[in-house]
Amino acid sequence: MKPNNVTRLLDARKIPYTAFELPAEKLGAMEAAQHMGAPPEQVYKTIVVTREGKGKPILALVPGPGTVDLKALAKAVGEKKVNLPTERDAERLTGLQAGGISPLALLNRGFEVLIDESAILFDEIYISGGQRGLDIRLPVEALVELTGANLALIARY
């Protein structure tokens, strides 16, 4: 595996992680979990959500089997309404390919990060490594600390 900005960042901060190489096509969280032999509820997908008014988009991390509850998310960030952009818009907003959107690749870009509260059930979760074909398992605490994320009940099953 070639290092990328995400793995370099984790190495520089001495954060323990495990990198998983996956097929380069866009995989859903459930397929990624299968490839890694990981429980699907421990594999989190990053969903880009836009605000109704002005302001940077939100990165919502929810477990593989779930979806983002837009009402709960809007409430958690103090917005009346939030929207799901198209995949193409999400790529344009983040500069990353769908399937490779990672909060760790977007640090210091002004995105608000919310992680579904279920993450606290695990010591480590799996998230995108910032490019298609790369997932990373890392401690939840380290992810929250690095991204300044808030935990909220934002997933729906």
N, C-alpha and C. Protein backbone atom coordinates (compact mmCIF):
# COMPACT_ATOMS: atom_id res chain seq x y z
N MET A 1 0.84 -1.19 0.00
CA MET A 1 0.00 0.00 0.00
C MET A 1 0.88 1.25 0.00
N LYS A 2 0.59 2.15 -0.91
CA LYS A 2 1.36 3.39 -0.95
C LYS A 2 0.80 4.34 0.10
N PRO A 3 1.69 5.04 0.82
CA PRO A 3 1.18 6.01 1.80
C PRO A 3 0.42 7.13 1.08
N ASN A 4 -0.60 7.67 1.75
CA ASN A 4 -1.29 8.85 1.22
C ASN A 4 -1.35 9.87 2.36
N ASN A 5 -2.01 10.99 2.13
CA ASN A 5 -2.06 12.03 3.16
C ASN A 5 -2.65 11.54 4.48
N VAL A 6 -3.64 10.66 4.39
CA VAL A 6 -4.29 10.16 5.61
C VAL A 6 -3.32 9.28 6.41
N THR A 7 -2.66 8.33 5.73
CA THR A 7 -1.74 7.45 6.48
C THR A 7 -0.54 8.24 6.99
N ARG A 8 -0.07 9.22 6.21
CA ARG A 8 1.05 10.06 6.67
C ARG A 8 0.65 10.84 7.92
N LEU A 9 -0.56 11.38 7.93
CA LEU A 9 -1.07 12.13 9.08
C LEU A 9 -1.10 11.23 10.32
N LEU A 10 -1.65 10.02 10.16
CA LEU A 10 -1.75 9.10 11.29
C LEU A 10 -0.35 8.70 11.79
N ASP A 11 0.56 8.46 10.85
CA ASP A 11 1.93 8.12 11.23
C ASP A 11 2.58 9.28 12.00
N ALA A 12 2.40 10.49 11.47
CA ALA A 12 3.01 11.67 12.09
C ALA A 12 2.49 11.89 13.50
N ARG A 13 1.20 11.61 13.70
CA ARG A 13 0.60 11.80 15.04
C ARG A 13 0.76 10.56 15.92
N LYS A 14 1.44 9.54 15.39
CA LYS A 14 1.66 8.28 16.12
C LYS A 14 0.34 7.64 16.57
N ILE A 15 -0.63 7.68 15.67
CA ILE A 15 -1.94 7.06 15.97
C ILE A 15 -1.93 5.66 15.37
N PRO A 16 -2.21 4.66 16.21
CA PRO A 16 -2.20 3.29 15.69
C PRO A 16 -3.38 3.08 14.74
N TYR A 17 -3.11 2.44 13.60
CA TYR A 17 -4.20 2.15 12.67
C TYR A 17 -3.81 0.92 11.86
N THR A 18 -4.80 0.34 11.22
CA THR A 18 -4.56 -0.75 10.29
C THR A 18 -5.17 -0.33 8.97
N ALA A 19 -4.39 -0.43 7.90
CA ALA A 19 -4.89 -0.08 6.57
C ALA A 19 -5.33 -1.35 5.85
N PHE A 20 -6.44 -1.24 5.13
CA PHE A 20 -6.97 -2.37 4.37
C PHE A 20 -7.08 -1.96 2.91
N GLU A 21 -6.41 -2.72 2.05
CA GLU A 21 -6.56 -2.46 0.61
C GLU A 21 -7.78 -3.21 0.13
N LEU A 22 -8.61 -2.50 -0.61
CA LEU A 22 -9.84 -3.07 -1.14
C LEU A 22 -9.83 -2.92 -2.65
N PRO A 23 -10.74 -3.60 -3.35
CA PRO A 23 -10.82 -3.37 -4.80
C PRO A 23 -11.04 -1.88 -5.07
N ALA A 24 -10.49 -1.40 -6.17
CA ALA A 24 -10.51 0.04 -6.44
C ALA A 24 -11.88 0.58 -6.87
N GLU A 25 -12.82 -0.31 -7.23
CA GLU A 25 -14.13 0.23 -7.60
C GLU A 25 -14.85 0.70 -6.34
N LYS A 26 -15.88 1.53 -6.53
CA LYS A 26 -16.60 2.07 -5.38
C LYS A 26 -17.39 0.95 -4.71
N LEU A 27 -17.05 0.70 -3.46
CA LEU A 27 -17.76 -0.32 -2.68
C LEU A 27 -18.65 0.35 -1.66
N GLY A 28 -19.78 -0.24 -1.39
CA GLY A 28 -20.60 0.22 -0.27
C GLY A 28 -19.96 -0.27 1.02
N ALA A 29 -20.40 0.29 2.14
CA ALA A 29 -19.84 -0.11 3.44
C ALA A 29 -20.05 -1.59 3.71
N MET A 30 -21.18 -2.13 3.26
CA MET A 30 -21.47 -3.54 3.52
C MET A 30 -20.48 -4.43 2.75
N GLU A 31 -20.21 -4.07 1.48
CA GLU A 31 -19.25 -4.84 0.68
C GLU A 31 -17.84 -4.70 1.26
N ALA A 32 -17.49 -3.48 1.67
CA ALA A 32 -16.17 -3.26 2.25
C ALA A 32 -16.01 -4.12 3.50
N ALA A 33 -17.05 -4.18 4.33
CA ALA A 33 -17.01 -4.98 5.55
C ALA A 33 -16.72 -6.44 5.22
N GLN A 34 -17.39 -6.94 4.18
CA GLN A 34 -17.17 -8.32 3.75
C GLN A 34 -15.72 -8.56 3.36
N HIS A 35 -15.16 -7.65 2.56
CA HIS A 35 -13.77 -7.78 2.12
C HIS A 35 -12.80 -7.78 3.29
N MET A 36 -13.11 -7.00 4.33
CA MET A 36 -12.19 -6.87 5.46
C MET A 36 -12.48 -7.89 6.55
N GLY A 37 -13.58 -8.62 6.41
CA GLY A 37 -13.97 -9.56 7.45
C GLY A 37 -14.35 -8.82 8.72
N ALA A 38 -14.95 -7.64 8.56
CA ALA A 38 -15.31 -6.79 9.70
C ALA A 38 -16.82 -6.79 9.90
N PRO A 39 -17.29 -6.61 11.15
CA PRO A 39 -18.73 -6.48 11.36
C PRO A 39 -19.24 -5.22 10.66
N PRO A 40 -20.29 -5.33 9.84
CA PRO A 40 -20.78 -4.17 9.08
C PRO A 40 -21.10 -2.96 9.96
N GLU A 41 -21.58 -3.21 11.17
CA GLU A 41 -21.94 -2.07 12.04
C GLU A 41 -20.70 -1.34 12.58
N GLN A 42 -19.52 -1.89 12.30
CA GLN A 42 -18.28 -1.25 12.74
C GLN A 42 -17.59 -0.51 11.57
N VAL A 43 -18.16 -0.65 10.37
CA VAL A 43 -17.62 0.01 9.18
C VAL A 43 -18.48 1.25 8.92
N TYR A 44 -17.88 2.42 9.08
CA TYR A 44 -18.63 3.67 8.96
C TYR A 44 -18.42 4.31 7.60
N LYS A 45 -19.53 4.77 7.02
CA LYS A 45 -19.42 5.47 5.73
C LYS A 45 -19.54 6.96 6.00
N THR A 46 -18.87 7.74 5.18
CA THR A 46 -18.90 9.20 5.31
C THR A 46 -19.89 9.75 4.30
N ILE A 47 -20.93 10.40 4.79
CA ILE A 47 -21.96 10.98 3.93
C ILE A 47 -21.82 12.50 3.98
N VAL A 48 -21.74 13.11 2.81
CA VAL A 48 -21.67 14.57 2.73
C VAL A 48 -23.10 15.10 2.77
N VAL A 49 -23.33 16.07 3.66
CA VAL A 49 -24.66 16.66 3.81
C VAL A 49 -24.51 18.17 3.71
N THR A 50 -25.40 18.81 2.94
CA THR A 50 -25.31 20.26 2.78
C THR A 50 -26.35 20.96 3.63
N ARG A 51 -26.02 22.17 4.04
CA ARG A 51 -26.93 22.98 4.83
C ARG A 51 -27.88 23.72 3.91
N GLU A 52 -29.04 24.06 4.43
CA GLU A 52 -30.01 24.82 3.65
C GLU A 52 -29.49 26.23 3.39
N GLY A 53 -28.94 26.83 4.42
CA GLY A 53 -28.42 28.19 4.28
C GLY A 53 -26.97 28.18 3.86
N LYS A 54 -26.22 29.14 4.35
CA LYS A 54 -24.78 29.18 4.04
C LYS A 54 -24.05 28.28 5.03
N GLY A 55 -22.80 28.07 4.73
CA GLY A 55 -22.00 27.26 5.65
C GLY A 55 -21.48 26.02 4.96
N LYS A 56 -20.35 25.55 5.44
CA LYS A 56 -19.69 24.38 4.88
C LYS A 56 -20.56 23.14 5.03
N PRO A 57 -20.42 22.22 4.11
CA PRO A 57 -21.14 20.94 4.27
C PRO A 57 -20.70 20.21 5.53
N ILE A 58 -21.47 19.24 5.89
CA ILE A 58 -21.25 18.42 7.09
C ILE A 58 -20.81 17.04 6.62
N LEU A 59 -19.88 16.44 7.33
CA LEU A 59 -19.51 15.06 7.07
C LEU A 59 -20.15 14.21 8.17
N ALA A 60 -21.08 13.36 7.78
CA ALA A 60 -21.79 12.51 8.73
C ALA A 60 -21.28 11.09 8.59
N LEU A 61 -20.77 10.52 9.69
CA LEU A 61 -20.28 9.15 9.66
C LEU A 61 -21.31 8.25 10.33
N VAL A 62 -21.82 7.31 9.55
CA VAL A 62 -22.84 6.39 10.06
C VAL A 62 -22.43 4.95 9.75
N PRO A 63 -22.89 4.01 10.59
CA PRO A 63 -22.54 2.60 10.39
C PRO A 63 -23.06 2.08 9.04
N GLY A 64 -22.33 1.13 8.47
CA GLY A 64 -22.67 0.54 7.18
C GLY A 64 -24.14 0.20 6.97
N PRO A 65 -24.77 -0.51 7.92
CA PRO A 65 -26.16 -0.91 7.69
C PRO A 65 -27.16 0.26 7.79
N GLY A 66 -26.72 1.41 8.29
CA GLY A 66 -27.65 2.53 8.51
C GLY A 66 -27.63 3.56 7.41
N THR A 67 -28.50 4.56 7.56
CA THR A 67 -28.49 5.72 6.67
C THR A 67 -28.51 6.95 7.57
N VAL A 68 -28.25 8.10 6.99
CA VAL A 68 -28.27 9.33 7.77
C VAL A 68 -29.72 9.75 8.00
N ASP A 69 -30.05 10.02 9.24
CA ASP A 69 -31.36 10.57 9.58
C ASP A 69 -31.22 12.09 9.46
N LEU A 70 -31.71 12.65 8.34
CA LEU A 70 -31.49 14.07 8.06
C LEU A 70 -32.13 14.99 9.11
N LYS A 71 -33.29 14.60 9.63
CA LYS A 71 -33.94 15.42 10.67
C LYS A 71 -33.08 15.47 11.93
N ALA A 72 -32.59 14.30 12.35
CA ALA A 72 -31.76 14.22 13.56
C ALA A 72 -30.46 14.99 13.35
N LEU A 73 -29.90 14.89 12.14
CA LEU A 73 -28.65 15.58 11.84
C LEU A 73 -28.86 17.09 11.86
N ALA A 74 -29.93 17.55 11.23
CA ALA A 74 -30.23 18.99 11.21
C ALA A 74 -30.33 19.51 12.64
N LYS A 75 -31.04 18.77 13.48
CA LYS A 75 -31.20 19.17 14.87
C LYS A 75 -29.84 19.21 15.59
N ALA A 76 -29.01 18.22 15.33
CA ALA A 76 -27.70 18.13 15.99
C ALA A 76 -26.78 19.29 15.62
N VAL A 77 -26.93 19.84 14.41
CA VAL A 77 -26.07 20.95 13.99
C VAL A 77 -26.78 22.30 14.05
N GLY A 78 -28.02 22.30 14.57
CA GLY A 78 -28.74 23.56 14.74
C GLY A 78 -29.24 24.16 13.43
N GLU A 79 -29.55 23.32 12.46
CA GLU A 79 -30.10 23.80 11.18
C GLU A 79 -31.58 23.42 11.10
N LYS A 80 -32.35 24.22 10.35
CA LYS A 80 -33.75 23.84 10.13
C LYS A 80 -33.83 22.64 9.21
N LYS A 81 -32.97 22.66 8.17
CA LYS A 81 -33.04 21.61 7.18
C LYS A 81 -31.65 21.36 6.59
N VAL A 82 -31.35 20.10 6.33
CA VAL A 82 -30.12 19.74 5.63
C VAL A 82 -30.49 18.84 4.45
N ASN A 83 -29.61 18.77 3.46
CA ASN A 83 -29.91 18.02 2.24
C ASN A 83 -28.79 17.07 1.87
N LEU A 84 -29.17 16.02 1.15
CA LEU A 84 -28.18 15.10 0.61
C LEU A 84 -27.87 15.53 -0.82
N PRO A 85 -26.62 15.93 -1.09
CA PRO A 85 -26.28 16.30 -2.46
C PRO A 85 -26.16 15.04 -3.34
N THR A 86 -26.10 15.23 -4.63
CA THR A 86 -25.85 14.09 -5.52
C THR A 86 -24.41 13.63 -5.29
N GLU A 87 -24.12 12.43 -5.76
CA GLU A 87 -22.76 11.90 -5.63
C GLU A 87 -21.76 12.85 -6.30
N ARG A 88 -22.14 13.35 -7.48
CA ARG A 88 -21.24 14.26 -8.20
C ARG A 88 -21.01 15.55 -7.40
N ASP A 89 -22.06 16.09 -6.79
CA ASP A 89 -21.91 17.30 -5.97
C ASP A 89 -21.05 17.03 -4.74
N ALA A 90 -21.23 15.85 -4.14
CA ALA A 90 -20.42 15.49 -2.97
C ALA A 90 -18.94 15.44 -3.36
N GLU A 91 -18.66 14.91 -4.55
CA GLU A 91 -17.27 14.84 -5.02
C GLU A 91 -16.73 16.25 -5.27
N ARG A 92 -17.58 17.11 -5.85
CA ARG A 92 -17.16 18.49 -6.13
C ARG A 92 -16.90 19.26 -4.83
N LEU A 93 -17.76 19.05 -3.85
CA LEU A 93 -17.63 19.76 -2.57
C LEU A 93 -16.39 19.34 -1.78
N THR A 94 -16.02 18.07 -1.91
CA THR A 94 -14.90 17.56 -1.11
C THR A 94 -13.61 17.44 -1.90
N GLY A 95 -13.71 17.37 -3.22
CA GLY A 95 -12.53 17.13 -4.04
C GLY A 95 -12.08 15.68 -3.99
N LEU A 96 -12.91 14.81 -3.43
CA LEU A 96 -12.57 13.38 -3.32
C LEU A 96 -13.60 12.56 -4.07
N GLN A 97 -13.19 11.38 -4.52
CA GLN A 97 -14.11 10.46 -5.21
C GLN A 97 -15.07 9.84 -4.20
N ALA A 98 -16.33 9.68 -4.60
CA ALA A 98 -17.28 8.93 -3.77
C ALA A 98 -16.67 7.55 -3.53
N GLY A 99 -16.80 7.06 -2.32
CA GLY A 99 -16.16 5.80 -1.97
C GLY A 99 -14.79 6.04 -1.35
N GLY A 100 -14.30 7.28 -1.46
CA GLY A 100 -13.00 7.61 -0.86
C GLY A 100 -13.08 8.87 -0.03
N ILE A 101 -14.30 9.32 0.28
CA ILE A 101 -14.46 10.54 1.07
C ILE A 101 -14.20 10.20 2.54
N SER A 102 -13.24 10.89 3.12
CA SER A 102 -12.84 10.60 4.50
C SER A 102 -12.67 11.89 5.27
N PRO A 103 -13.18 11.95 6.51
CA PRO A 103 -12.97 13.17 7.31
C PRO A 103 -11.48 13.43 7.55
N LEU A 104 -10.67 12.37 7.55
CA LEU A 104 -9.24 12.55 7.80
C LEU A 104 -8.54 13.19 6.60
N ALA A 105 -9.12 13.05 5.40
CA ALA A 105 -8.52 13.66 4.21
C ALA A 105 -8.99 15.11 4.08
N LEU A 106 -9.94 15.51 4.90
CA LEU A 106 -10.53 16.86 4.79
C LEU A 106 -10.32 17.70 6.04
N LEU A 107 -9.32 17.33 6.84
CA LEU A 107 -9.03 18.10 8.05
C LEU A 107 -8.68 19.54 7.66
N ASN A 108 -9.02 20.46 8.52
CA ASN A 108 -8.70 21.89 8.31
C ASN A 108 -9.33 22.47 7.05
N ARG A 109 -10.40 21.85 6.56
CA ARG A 109 -11.09 22.40 5.39
C ARG A 109 -12.44 22.99 5.81
N GLY A 110 -12.69 23.02 7.11
CA GLY A 110 -13.90 23.67 7.60
C GLY A 110 -15.15 22.82 7.61
N PHE A 111 -15.02 21.53 7.37
CA PHE A 111 -16.20 20.66 7.42
C PHE A 111 -16.53 20.33 8.88
N GLU A 112 -17.80 20.39 9.23
CA GLU A 112 -18.22 19.94 10.55
C GLU A 112 -18.38 18.42 10.47
N VAL A 113 -17.83 17.70 11.45
CA VAL A 113 -17.87 16.24 11.42
C VAL A 113 -18.77 15.73 12.55
N LEU A 114 -19.73 14.91 12.18
CA LEU A 114 -20.59 14.25 13.16
C LEU A 114 -20.47 12.75 12.99
N ILE A 115 -20.28 12.07 14.09
CA ILE A 115 -20.18 10.61 14.06
C ILE A 115 -21.37 10.06 14.83
N ASP A 116 -22.03 9.07 14.25
CA ASP A 116 -23.15 8.48 14.97
C ASP A 116 -22.66 7.93 16.31
N GLU A 117 -23.49 8.19 17.32
CA GLU A 117 -23.16 7.82 18.71
C GLU A 117 -22.83 6.34 18.88
N SER A 118 -23.31 5.50 17.97
CA SER A 118 -23.05 4.06 18.09
C SER A 118 -21.55 3.76 18.08
N ALA A 119 -20.74 4.69 17.58
CA ALA A 119 -19.28 4.47 17.51
C ALA A 119 -18.69 4.22 18.90
N ILE A 120 -19.32 4.76 19.94
CA ILE A 120 -18.75 4.58 21.29
C ILE A 120 -18.87 3.14 21.78
N LEU A 121 -19.63 2.31 21.05
CA LEU A 121 -19.73 0.90 21.43
C LEU A 121 -18.45 0.15 21.06
N PHE A 122 -17.61 0.77 20.24
CA PHE A 122 -16.41 0.10 19.74
C PHE A 122 -15.16 0.84 20.19
N ASP A 123 -14.06 0.10 20.34
CA ASP A 123 -12.76 0.74 20.58
C ASP A 123 -12.26 1.35 19.28
N GLU A 124 -12.50 0.59 18.17
CA GLU A 124 -12.03 1.04 16.86
C GLU A 124 -13.16 0.91 15.85
N ILE A 125 -13.13 1.81 14.86
CA ILE A 125 -14.06 1.67 13.75
C ILE A 125 -13.26 1.77 12.44
N TYR A 126 -13.90 1.35 11.37
CA TYR A 126 -13.30 1.40 10.03
C TYR A 126 -13.90 2.60 9.30
N ILE A 127 -13.06 3.39 8.65
CA ILE A 127 -13.55 4.50 7.83
C ILE A 127 -12.73 4.54 6.54
N SER A 128 -13.18 5.33 5.59
CA SER A 128 -12.43 5.47 4.34
C SER A 128 -11.06 6.09 4.63
N GLY A 129 -10.08 5.63 3.86
CA GLY A 129 -8.73 6.16 4.01
C GLY A 129 -8.43 7.33 3.10
N GLY A 130 -9.48 7.93 2.52
CA GLY A 130 -9.27 9.12 1.70
C GLY A 130 -9.08 8.85 0.21
N GLN A 131 -9.21 7.59 -0.16
CA GLN A 131 -9.19 7.25 -1.59
C GLN A 131 -9.94 5.93 -1.74
N ARG A 132 -10.48 5.71 -2.94
CA ARG A 132 -11.15 4.43 -3.19
C ARG A 132 -10.14 3.31 -3.04
N GLY A 133 -10.58 2.21 -2.44
CA GLY A 133 -9.70 1.06 -2.30
C GLY A 133 -8.85 1.07 -1.04
N LEU A 134 -9.12 2.04 -0.15
CA LEU A 134 -8.36 2.08 1.10
C LEU A 134 -9.30 2.38 2.27
N ASP A 135 -9.36 1.46 3.21
CA ASP A 135 -10.10 1.69 4.44
C ASP A 135 -9.11 1.61 5.59
N ILE A 136 -9.44 2.29 6.67
CA ILE A 136 -8.54 2.35 7.82
C ILE A 136 -9.34 2.03 9.08
N ARG A 137 -8.76 1.16 9.91
CA ARG A 137 -9.34 0.89 11.22
C ARG A 137 -8.51 1.66 12.23
N LEU A 138 -9.18 2.51 13.02
CA LEU A 138 -8.45 3.31 14.00
C LEU A 138 -9.30 3.51 15.24
N PRO A 139 -8.65 3.89 16.35
CA PRO A 139 -9.40 4.11 17.59
C PRO A 139 -10.41 5.25 17.43
N VAL A 140 -11.62 5.03 17.93
CA VAL A 140 -12.68 6.04 17.85
C VAL A 140 -12.21 7.34 18.51
N GLU A 141 -11.58 7.21 19.67
CA GLU A 141 -11.11 8.39 20.41
C GLU A 141 -10.17 9.25 19.56
N ALA A 142 -9.26 8.60 18.84
CA ALA A 142 -8.30 9.32 18.00
C ALA A 142 -9.02 10.03 16.86
N LEU A 143 -10.02 9.36 16.29
CA LEU A 143 -10.78 9.95 15.19
C LEU A 143 -11.53 11.20 15.66
N VAL A 144 -12.16 11.09 16.82
CA VAL A 144 -12.91 12.22 17.38
C VAL A 144 -11.96 13.38 17.66
N GLU A 145 -10.82 13.06 18.25
CA GLU A 145 -9.84 14.09 18.60
C GLU A 145 -9.28 14.79 17.36
N LEU A 146 -8.90 14.01 16.36
CA LEU A 146 -8.31 14.57 15.14
C LEU A 146 -9.29 15.45 14.37
N THR A 147 -10.54 15.01 14.29
CA THR A 147 -11.51 15.71 13.44
C THR A 147 -12.33 16.74 14.20
N GLY A 148 -12.21 16.74 15.54
CA GLY A 148 -13.05 17.62 16.34
C GLY A 148 -14.52 17.26 16.22
N ALA A 149 -14.78 15.99 15.95
CA ALA A 149 -16.14 15.53 15.70
C ALA A 149 -17.01 15.58 16.94
N ASN A 150 -18.30 15.73 16.71
CA ASN A 150 -19.30 15.57 17.77
C ASN A 150 -19.99 14.23 17.55
N LEU A 151 -20.40 13.61 18.64
CA LEU A 151 -21.16 12.38 18.56
C LEU A 151 -22.64 12.71 18.76
N ALA A 152 -23.49 12.14 17.92
CA ALA A 152 -24.93 12.39 18.03
C ALA A 152 -25.66 11.19 17.42
N LEU A 153 -26.91 11.03 17.79
CA LEU A 153 -27.70 9.97 17.20
C LEU A 153 -28.19 10.44 15.84
N ILE A 154 -27.46 10.08 14.79
CA ILE A 154 -27.79 10.58 13.46
C ILE A 154 -28.05 9.45 12.46
N ALA A 155 -28.00 8.19 12.90
CA ALA A 155 -28.22 7.08 11.98
C ALA A 155 -29.63 6.52 12.15
N ARG A 156 -30.13 6.00 11.05
CA ARG A 156 -31.44 5.37 11.06
C ARG A 156 -31.26 4.00 10.41
N TYR A 157 -31.99 3.01 10.94
CA TYR A 157 -31.83 1.65 10.39
C TYR A 157 -33.12 1.15 9.79
